[in-house]
Amino acid sequence: MLSTLLYADSFLGRSLVGRIAQGTARANQSIKAINLNGEKVDEGKLTKIFRYEGTKKVPIDVGEAGDIVVVAGLEKANVADTICDLEVNEPIPATPIDPPTMSITITVNTSPLAGTEGKRLTSTQIRDRLVQEAQNNVGITFSENEGKDSFVVSGRGELMLEILLTQMRREGFEMTVSPPKVLYKTDESGNKLEPIEEITMDLDEQHSSKVIDSMNRRKGKLIELKDTGTNKKRLIFHAPTRGLMGYTSRFLTLTKGNGVINRIFHSYGTFEGEMEGRRNGALISMEQGKAVAFAIFNLQARGEMFVTHNDSVYPGMIVGLSPKPGDMIINVMKGKKLTNMRTQGTDENVVLTPVRKMSIAEQLSMLNTDEALEITPDSCRLRKAILDPHERKKSEKAIAAA
């Protein structure tokens, strides 16, 4: 039987779903799991066998060829492994699973607003949820530090990680997420390798030059360009994963919403060199409370604002982006001073620029190494990893000295 899906059961543990290709499977039969190279991965007994009848699982004693079954008893076997008798050594051909290419670190929410929006706050609850996800999702790998308060989750690209974070958010979790990191490898000669993705784009011909230029900035290489219809083009690129973080929204902007983009892991290739990060400095709140429209209106000239009137803010929270490099601490709670004088034309009409709504993937792609993303069921807030400004300066000096 070729294992094609994982199924986590609270009573049976890790279970495998697949169709029996040859022979029979009996309860309490000794079996083993072999990978695509024929190497033994796990060995044990079939503790339970279930067969699908419609949408229901029915326990059976014997599974025959052609049955789609759920088997329990092997804890280490994975998708694309062959479940077979102890005497069999030839695996069933299958497509190998793409390796994880990106990782994030998840910790408990440490902001002053922690616990005000979510119900699941502790590291134990976050750990149990991530363990469950790793058992069900073959593309997710999970590890933790010695203190069991920091969890590293790896997946195949930013979309998979964004889906996991969105699911946890809907389930009532609060957490702090670090900037995503690309998983590198080294070859036999010690050269640094990075994951390369194949990107296929279908778009209008008039937008092709802008898209090609944007991909060149991200170290992308144009592999193929062909016509797919009247004034339509298909572009195929090979580009490093680290250059594509948050690119989907940029692509939709360049193509005015008419483009279609598809990404798939290609291989590990030579490291393409350093790449430009975010050049904009952060506008950081200096006080805790509610943002005021009057203050935001006067600060709009400083850069793009992420908060609007009556939004909650706290010290160390990123409330906007400056057009220039370098962070700036601002006060978004400064209200208008009131006087007892009434003069015609004194009051200005306060008009706020609408706040740009960003997805979790876009926000993660904006983070620098000293920043983090606070995720709660109701909101996502960009913040500095160290909230206190004095501690933040000490950390920056220590890093610069090192």
Protein backbone atom coordinates (compact mmCIF):
# COMPACT_ATOMS: atom_id res chain seq x y z
CA MET A 1 0.00 0.00 0.00
CA LEU A 2 1.28 3.48 -0.86
CA SER A 3 0.64 5.98 1.93
CA THR A 4 -1.01 9.08 0.43
CA LEU A 5 -2.50 10.93 3.44
CA LEU A 6 -1.92 11.38 7.15
CA TYR A 7 -4.78 10.98 9.60
CA ALA A 8 -4.39 11.88 13.29
CA ASP A 9 -6.66 9.99 15.69
CA SER A 10 -6.87 10.87 19.38
CA PHE A 11 -7.19 7.16 20.30
CA LEU A 12 -5.11 5.34 17.69
CA GLY A 13 -2.41 7.99 17.18
CA ARG A 14 -0.76 8.53 13.81
CA SER A 15 -2.67 6.76 11.02
CA LEU A 16 -2.01 6.41 7.30
CA VAL A 17 -4.51 6.49 4.43
CA GLY A 18 -3.95 4.69 1.13
CA ARG A 19 -5.25 2.17 -1.39
CA ILE A 20 -4.09 -1.43 -1.13
CA ALA A 21 -2.30 -2.14 -4.41
CA GLN A 22 -1.59 -5.83 -3.94
CA GLY A 23 -2.29 -8.62 -1.44
CA THR A 24 -4.28 -8.32 1.78
CA ALA A 25 -3.91 -6.58 5.12
CA ARG A 26 -4.97 -8.24 8.38
CA ALA A 27 -5.29 -6.91 11.89
CA ASN A 28 -2.22 -7.67 14.08
CA GLN A 29 -0.15 -8.49 10.99
CA SER A 30 3.56 -7.60 11.19
CA ILE A 31 4.42 -4.91 8.64
CA LYS A 32 7.09 -2.37 7.82
CA ALA A 33 7.35 0.94 5.99
CA ILE A 34 10.01 1.59 3.33
CA ASN A 35 10.83 4.86 1.60
CA LEU A 36 11.30 5.51 -2.13
CA ASN A 37 14.87 4.15 -1.95
CA GLY A 38 13.74 0.86 -0.41
CA GLU A 39 15.18 1.70 3.03
CA LYS A 40 13.21 0.61 6.10
CA VAL A 41 11.65 3.56 7.94
CA ASP A 42 9.51 1.84 10.58
CA GLU A 43 8.31 -1.60 11.66
CA GLY A 44 5.35 -2.72 13.74
CA LYS A 45 1.92 -4.35 13.75
CA LEU A 46 -1.37 -3.30 12.20
CA THR A 47 -3.32 -2.44 15.34
CA LYS A 48 -6.45 -1.32 13.48
CA ILE A 49 -7.76 -1.27 9.90
CA PHE A 50 -10.64 0.90 8.72
CA ARG A 51 -12.28 0.98 5.29
CA TYR A 52 -14.12 3.94 3.82
CA GLU A 53 -17.76 3.28 2.94
CA GLY A 54 -19.05 6.57 1.59
CA THR A 55 -17.98 9.17 4.14
CA LYS A 56 -17.85 6.75 7.07
CA LYS A 57 -14.96 4.71 8.44
CA VAL A 58 -15.87 1.10 9.13
CA PRO A 59 -13.51 -1.20 11.11
CA ILE A 60 -12.60 -4.39 9.25
CA ASP A 61 -10.45 -7.45 9.95
CA VAL A 62 -9.10 -7.97 6.42
CA GLY A 63 -8.44 -5.37 3.73
CA GLU A 64 -8.17 -6.54 0.13
CA ALA A 65 -6.56 -5.11 -2.99
CA GLY A 66 -8.42 -2.05 -4.21
CA ASP A 67 -9.75 -1.01 -0.79
CA ILE A 68 -9.02 2.51 0.46
CA VAL A 69 -8.09 1.93 4.09
CA VAL A 70 -6.81 3.71 7.19
CA VAL A 71 -4.15 1.72 9.06
CA ALA A 72 -2.67 2.39 12.50
CA GLY A 73 0.46 1.01 14.13
CA LEU A 74 3.34 2.85 12.48
CA GLU A 75 4.49 6.09 14.16
CA LYS A 76 7.37 7.06 11.86
CA ALA A 77 5.95 6.26 8.42
CA ASN A 78 5.05 9.22 6.22
CA VAL A 79 3.34 10.09 2.95
CA ALA A 80 4.97 8.46 -0.13
CA ASP A 81 6.23 5.52 1.97
CA THR A 82 5.22 1.98 1.03
CA ILE A 83 3.48 -0.11 3.72
CA CYS A 84 4.21 -3.76 3.06
CA ASP A 85 4.98 -7.23 4.46
CA LEU A 86 8.35 -7.84 6.13
CA GLU A 87 9.59 -9.84 3.11
CA VAL A 88 8.89 -7.11 0.53
CA ASN A 89 11.78 -4.77 -0.33
CA GLU A 90 10.57 -3.08 -3.55
CA PRO A 91 8.76 0.27 -2.99
CA ILE A 92 5.80 1.49 -5.03
CA PRO A 93 6.90 4.38 -7.34
CA ALA A 94 5.66 7.77 -6.12
CA THR A 95 6.41 11.48 -6.36
CA PRO A 96 8.71 12.56 -3.50
CA ILE A 97 7.50 15.20 -1.06
CA ASP A 98 8.96 18.67 -1.58
CA PRO A 99 11.19 19.68 1.36
CA PRO A 100 10.31 22.64 3.63
CA THR A 101 11.84 25.85 2.29
CA MET A 102 10.85 28.45 4.90
CA SER A 103 10.52 28.59 8.68
CA ILE A 104 9.05 30.92 11.31
CA THR A 105 9.39 31.01 15.09
CA ILE A 106 6.15 31.20 17.10
CA THR A 107 6.07 32.33 20.74
CA VAL A 108 3.40 33.51 23.16
CA ASN A 109 2.04 37.03 22.77
CA THR A 110 4.09 39.37 24.99
CA SER A 111 2.54 42.72 24.03
CA PRO A 112 0.69 44.92 26.57
CA LEU A 113 -2.58 43.99 24.80
CA ALA A 114 -2.08 40.23 25.30
CA GLY A 115 -5.21 38.41 26.42
CA THR A 116 -7.67 41.11 25.39
CA GLU A 117 -8.85 39.47 22.14
CA GLY A 118 -7.99 35.75 22.16
CA LYS A 119 -8.79 32.79 24.41
CA ARG A 120 -5.80 30.52 23.79
CA LEU A 121 -2.72 32.27 25.11
CA THR A 122 -0.32 29.80 26.75
CA SER A 123 2.70 28.09 25.20
CA THR A 124 1.22 24.68 26.08
CA GLN A 125 -1.90 25.37 24.02
CA ILE A 126 0.19 26.63 21.09
CA ARG A 127 2.48 23.57 21.31
CA ASP A 128 -0.44 21.09 21.33
CA ARG A 129 -1.95 22.79 18.28
CA LEU A 130 1.34 22.70 16.35
CA VAL A 131 1.94 19.03 17.24
CA GLN A 132 -1.54 18.22 15.92
CA GLU A 133 -0.83 20.15 12.71
CA ALA A 134 2.47 18.30 12.18
CA GLN A 135 0.64 14.97 12.52
CA ASN A 136 -2.00 15.91 9.92
CA ASN A 137 -0.02 18.06 7.49
CA VAL A 138 2.84 16.33 5.69
CA GLY A 139 4.31 19.66 4.56
CA ILE A 140 4.78 21.01 8.10
CA THR A 141 7.71 20.18 10.38
CA PHE A 142 7.78 21.22 14.02
CA SER A 143 10.53 21.63 16.63
CA GLU A 144 10.87 23.42 19.98
CA ASN A 145 13.60 24.81 22.20
CA GLU A 146 14.66 23.39 25.54
CA GLY A 147 12.37 25.68 27.50
CA LYS A 148 9.40 24.63 25.32
CA ASP A 149 8.32 28.27 24.96
CA SER A 150 9.55 28.87 21.40
CA PHE A 151 8.45 26.77 18.43
CA VAL A 152 10.01 26.62 14.97
CA VAL A 153 7.55 25.68 12.21
CA SER A 154 8.82 24.92 8.70
CA GLY A 155 6.71 24.64 5.56
CA ARG A 156 6.76 24.76 1.77
CA GLY A 157 6.55 28.48 1.15
CA GLU A 158 4.79 31.43 2.72
CA LEU A 159 1.29 30.37 1.61
CA MET A 160 1.37 27.16 3.67
CA LEU A 161 2.58 29.07 6.74
CA GLU A 162 -0.01 31.81 6.20
CA ILE A 163 -2.81 29.21 6.06
CA LEU A 164 -1.64 27.68 9.35
CA LEU A 165 -1.46 31.07 11.08
CA THR A 166 -4.90 32.04 9.74
CA GLN A 167 -6.41 28.78 11.02
CA MET A 168 -4.89 29.28 14.47
CA ARG A 169 -6.11 32.86 14.50
CA ARG A 170 -9.68 31.77 13.79
CA GLU A 171 -9.43 29.20 16.59
CA GLY A 172 -8.76 31.96 19.14
CA PHE A 173 -4.96 31.82 19.46
CA GLU A 174 -2.76 34.80 20.27
CA MET A 175 0.92 34.57 19.31
CA THR A 176 4.02 36.43 18.23
CA VAL A 177 5.63 35.41 14.93
CA SER A 178 9.22 36.12 13.91
CA PRO A 179 10.30 37.16 10.39
CA PRO A 180 10.38 34.16 8.02
CA LYS A 181 13.74 32.54 7.35
CA VAL A 182 14.74 30.59 4.25
CA LEU A 183 16.21 27.12 4.92
CA TYR A 184 19.65 26.84 3.30
CA LYS A 185 21.73 23.76 2.56
CA THR A 186 25.37 23.09 1.74
CA ASP A 187 26.67 20.77 -0.95
CA GLU A 188 29.61 18.35 -0.73
CA SER A 189 32.07 21.15 -1.53
CA GLY A 190 30.71 23.37 1.25
CA ASN A 191 28.94 25.79 -1.12
CA LYS A 192 25.78 27.46 0.17
CA LEU A 193 22.56 26.39 -1.57
CA GLU A 194 19.14 28.02 -1.43
CA PRO A 195 15.66 26.86 -2.56
CA ILE A 196 14.70 27.87 -6.10
CA GLU A 197 11.08 28.05 -7.24
CA GLU A 198 9.56 27.85 -10.69
CA ILE A 199 7.08 30.67 -11.25
CA THR A 200 4.55 30.57 -14.09
CA MET A 201 2.72 33.82 -14.91
CA ASP A 202 -0.14 34.42 -17.34
CA LEU A 203 -0.72 38.13 -17.97
CA ASP A 204 -1.56 40.82 -20.51
CA GLU A 205 1.28 41.70 -22.89
CA GLN A 206 1.30 45.37 -21.83
CA HIS A 207 2.35 44.42 -18.28
CA SER A 208 5.12 41.97 -19.19
CA SER A 209 8.00 44.48 -19.14
CA LYS A 210 7.11 45.69 -15.62
CA VAL A 211 6.85 42.12 -14.32
CA ILE A 212 10.17 41.10 -15.89
CA ASP A 213 11.86 44.14 -14.31
CA SER A 214 10.38 43.34 -10.89
CA MET A 215 11.55 39.72 -11.11
CA ASN A 216 15.07 40.81 -12.13
CA ARG A 217 15.26 42.82 -8.90
CA ARG A 218 14.46 39.61 -7.03
CA LYS A 219 17.25 37.61 -8.73
CA GLY A 220 14.74 35.85 -11.01
CA LYS A 221 15.86 34.33 -14.32
CA LEU A 222 13.49 34.28 -17.30
CA ILE A 223 13.38 30.71 -18.63
CA GLU A 224 10.59 30.93 -21.19
CA LEU A 225 8.35 33.57 -22.79
CA LYS A 226 5.57 32.62 -25.19
CA ASP A 227 2.26 33.84 -26.58
CA THR A 228 -0.89 32.23 -25.17
CA GLY A 229 -3.48 34.25 -27.11
CA THR A 230 -4.27 37.70 -28.40
CA ASN A 231 -2.15 40.17 -26.38
CA LYS A 232 -1.49 37.46 -23.78
CA LYS A 233 1.89 36.21 -22.53
CA ARG A 234 3.14 33.35 -20.38
CA LEU A 235 6.37 33.96 -18.45
CA ILE A 236 8.29 31.21 -16.67
CA PHE A 237 10.96 32.21 -14.14
CA HIS A 238 13.36 30.46 -11.80
CA ALA A 239 13.81 32.61 -8.70
CA PRO A 240 15.04 32.14 -5.10
CA THR A 241 12.34 31.71 -2.46
CA ARG A 242 13.64 34.58 -0.30
CA GLY A 243 13.01 37.06 -3.13
CA LEU A 244 9.35 36.04 -3.52
CA MET A 245 8.09 36.74 -0.01
CA GLY A 246 5.06 39.02 -0.36
CA TYR A 247 5.44 39.18 -4.15
CA THR A 248 1.90 37.99 -4.98
CA SER A 249 0.32 41.31 -3.97
CA ARG A 250 3.00 43.21 -5.90
CA PHE A 251 2.31 41.06 -8.99
CA LEU A 252 -1.44 41.75 -8.79
CA THR A 253 -0.70 45.48 -8.55
CA LEU A 254 1.57 45.41 -11.61
CA THR A 255 -0.97 43.48 -13.68
CA LYS A 256 -3.98 45.49 -12.38
CA GLY A 257 -5.51 42.34 -10.95
CA ASN A 258 -5.64 40.50 -14.29
CA GLY A 259 -2.54 38.29 -13.87
CA VAL A 260 -2.37 34.68 -12.70
CA ILE A 261 0.71 33.42 -10.85
CA ASN A 262 1.63 29.86 -9.90
CA ARG A 263 4.65 28.82 -7.84
CA ILE A 264 6.19 25.39 -7.29
CA PHE A 265 9.43 24.18 -5.73
CA HIS A 266 12.05 23.45 -8.38
CA SER A 267 15.35 22.54 -6.70
CA TYR A 268 18.15 23.77 -4.49
CA GLY A 269 20.50 26.01 -6.45
CA THR A 270 23.57 28.16 -5.92
CA PHE A 271 23.19 31.05 -3.48
CA GLU A 272 22.42 34.16 -5.56
CA GLY A 273 24.05 36.71 -3.24
CA GLU A 274 22.66 39.30 -0.89
CA MET A 275 19.30 40.87 -1.69
CA GLU A 276 17.87 44.25 -0.74
CA GLY A 277 15.53 44.22 2.23
CA ARG A 278 13.07 46.87 3.35
CA ARG A 279 14.63 50.32 3.01
CA ASN A 280 11.82 52.20 4.77
CA GLY A 281 12.20 53.03 8.42
CA ALA A 282 9.46 52.26 10.94
CA LEU A 283 7.21 54.79 12.66
CA ILE A 284 6.99 53.54 16.25
CA SER A 285 4.38 54.48 18.85
CA MET A 286 5.70 55.97 22.10
CA GLU A 287 2.62 55.58 24.34
CA GLN A 288 -0.17 53.12 25.09
CA GLY A 289 -3.80 53.96 24.48
CA LYS A 290 -6.06 54.84 21.55
CA ALA A 291 -4.86 56.58 18.39
CA VAL A 292 -6.37 60.04 17.76
CA ALA A 293 -7.47 61.30 14.33
CA PHE A 294 -5.96 64.76 14.92
CA ALA A 295 -2.49 63.29 15.58
CA ILE A 296 -2.67 60.88 12.64
CA PHE A 297 -3.73 63.70 10.31
CA ASN A 298 -0.65 65.73 11.24
CA LEU A 299 1.65 62.68 10.96
CA GLN A 300 0.45 61.50 7.54
CA ALA A 301 3.14 63.61 5.87
CA ARG A 302 5.77 61.57 7.72
CA GLY A 303 4.89 58.38 5.90
CA GLU A 304 2.26 55.67 5.38
CA MET A 305 0.16 55.02 8.49
CA PHE A 306 -1.10 51.57 9.51
CA VAL A 307 -3.54 52.74 12.21
CA THR A 308 -6.63 54.90 12.13
CA HIS A 309 -8.74 56.72 14.70
CA ASN A 310 -9.48 54.78 17.92
CA ASP A 311 -7.11 51.89 17.13
CA SER A 312 -5.23 50.48 20.13
CA VAL A 313 -1.48 51.21 20.21
CA TYR A 314 1.35 50.57 22.68
CA PRO A 315 5.05 51.51 23.02
CA GLY A 316 7.16 49.64 20.48
CA MET A 317 4.26 49.02 18.07
CA ILE A 318 4.92 49.91 14.44
CA VAL A 319 2.15 52.30 13.37
CA GLY A 320 3.53 53.28 9.97
CA LEU A 321 6.40 53.30 7.49
CA SER A 322 8.69 56.25 6.85
CA PRO A 323 9.83 57.01 3.27
CA LYS A 324 13.41 57.36 4.57
CA PRO A 325 15.70 54.82 6.27
CA GLY A 326 15.87 54.88 10.05
CA ASP A 327 13.19 54.38 12.70
CA MET A 328 11.25 57.28 14.20
CA ILE A 329 9.31 57.35 17.48
CA ILE A 330 6.05 59.31 17.18
CA ASN A 331 3.00 60.10 19.30
CA VAL A 332 -0.30 59.11 17.67
CA MET A 333 -2.29 60.02 20.82
CA LYS A 334 -1.64 63.76 20.83
CA GLY A 335 -5.05 65.46 20.76
CA LYS A 336 -5.93 69.01 19.84
CA LYS A 337 -5.51 71.60 22.56
CA LEU A 338 -8.86 73.18 23.38
CA THR A 339 -9.38 76.94 23.91
CA ASN A 340 -12.35 79.09 24.74
CA MET A 341 -11.88 81.13 21.56
CA ARG A 342 -14.18 80.49 18.61
CA THR A 343 -12.96 81.94 15.35
CA GLN A 344 -14.29 81.20 11.89
CA GLY A 345 -11.82 79.10 9.88
CA THR A 346 -9.76 77.98 12.89
CA ASP A 347 -10.79 74.32 12.68
CA GLU A 348 -9.43 72.32 9.79
CA ASN A 349 -11.32 69.43 8.27
CA VAL A 350 -9.49 66.27 9.42
CA VAL A 351 -9.35 63.84 6.47
CA LEU A 352 -7.47 60.59 7.04
CA THR A 353 -5.97 58.52 4.25
CA PRO A 354 -7.57 55.03 4.21
CA VAL A 355 -5.37 52.39 5.86
CA ARG A 356 -3.98 49.71 3.54
CA LYS A 357 -5.29 46.25 4.47
CA MET A 358 -2.48 43.69 4.31
CA SER A 359 -2.53 39.91 4.49
CA ILE A 360 -0.40 37.97 6.98
CA ALA A 361 2.04 37.06 4.18
CA GLU A 362 2.48 40.73 3.21
CA GLN A 363 3.10 41.73 6.81
CA LEU A 364 5.62 38.93 7.34
CA SER A 365 7.50 39.97 4.19
CA MET A 366 7.86 43.54 5.57
CA LEU A 367 9.55 42.50 8.81
CA ASN A 368 13.18 43.26 9.54
CA THR A 369 15.28 41.01 11.78
CA ASP A 370 14.52 43.10 14.91
CA GLU A 371 10.75 43.09 14.36
CA ALA A 372 7.86 40.66 14.87
CA LEU A 373 4.18 40.22 14.03
CA GLU A 374 1.55 40.01 16.75
CA ILE A 375 -1.42 37.90 15.62
CA THR A 376 -4.74 37.82 17.47
CA PRO A 377 -8.26 36.78 16.39
CA ASP A 378 -9.23 40.42 15.74
CA SER A 379 -6.05 42.10 14.50
CA CYS A 380 -2.47 41.74 13.27
CA ARG A 381 0.03 44.30 14.56
CA LEU A 382 3.60 44.93 13.47
CA ARG A 383 5.90 45.53 16.42
CA LYS A 384 9.52 45.65 17.49
CA ALA A 385 10.82 42.43 19.05
CA ILE A 386 12.07 44.53 22.00
CA LEU A 387 9.37 46.99 22.98
CA ASP A 388 11.32 49.16 25.43
CA PRO A 389 13.25 51.87 23.48
CA HIS A 390 16.20 51.90 25.90
CA GLU A 391 16.61 48.12 25.80
CA ARG A 392 16.28 48.29 22.01
CA LYS A 393 19.16 50.77 21.75
CA LYS A 394 21.34 48.61 24.02
CA SER A 395 20.65 45.58 21.82
CA GLU A 396 21.48 47.53 18.63
CA LYS A 397 24.78 48.73 20.14
CA ALA A 398 25.66 45.19 21.23
CA ILE A 399 24.97 43.84 17.73
CA ALA A 400 26.99 46.64 16.12
CA ALA A 401 29.92 45.99 18.49
CA ALA A 402 29.83 42.27 17.72
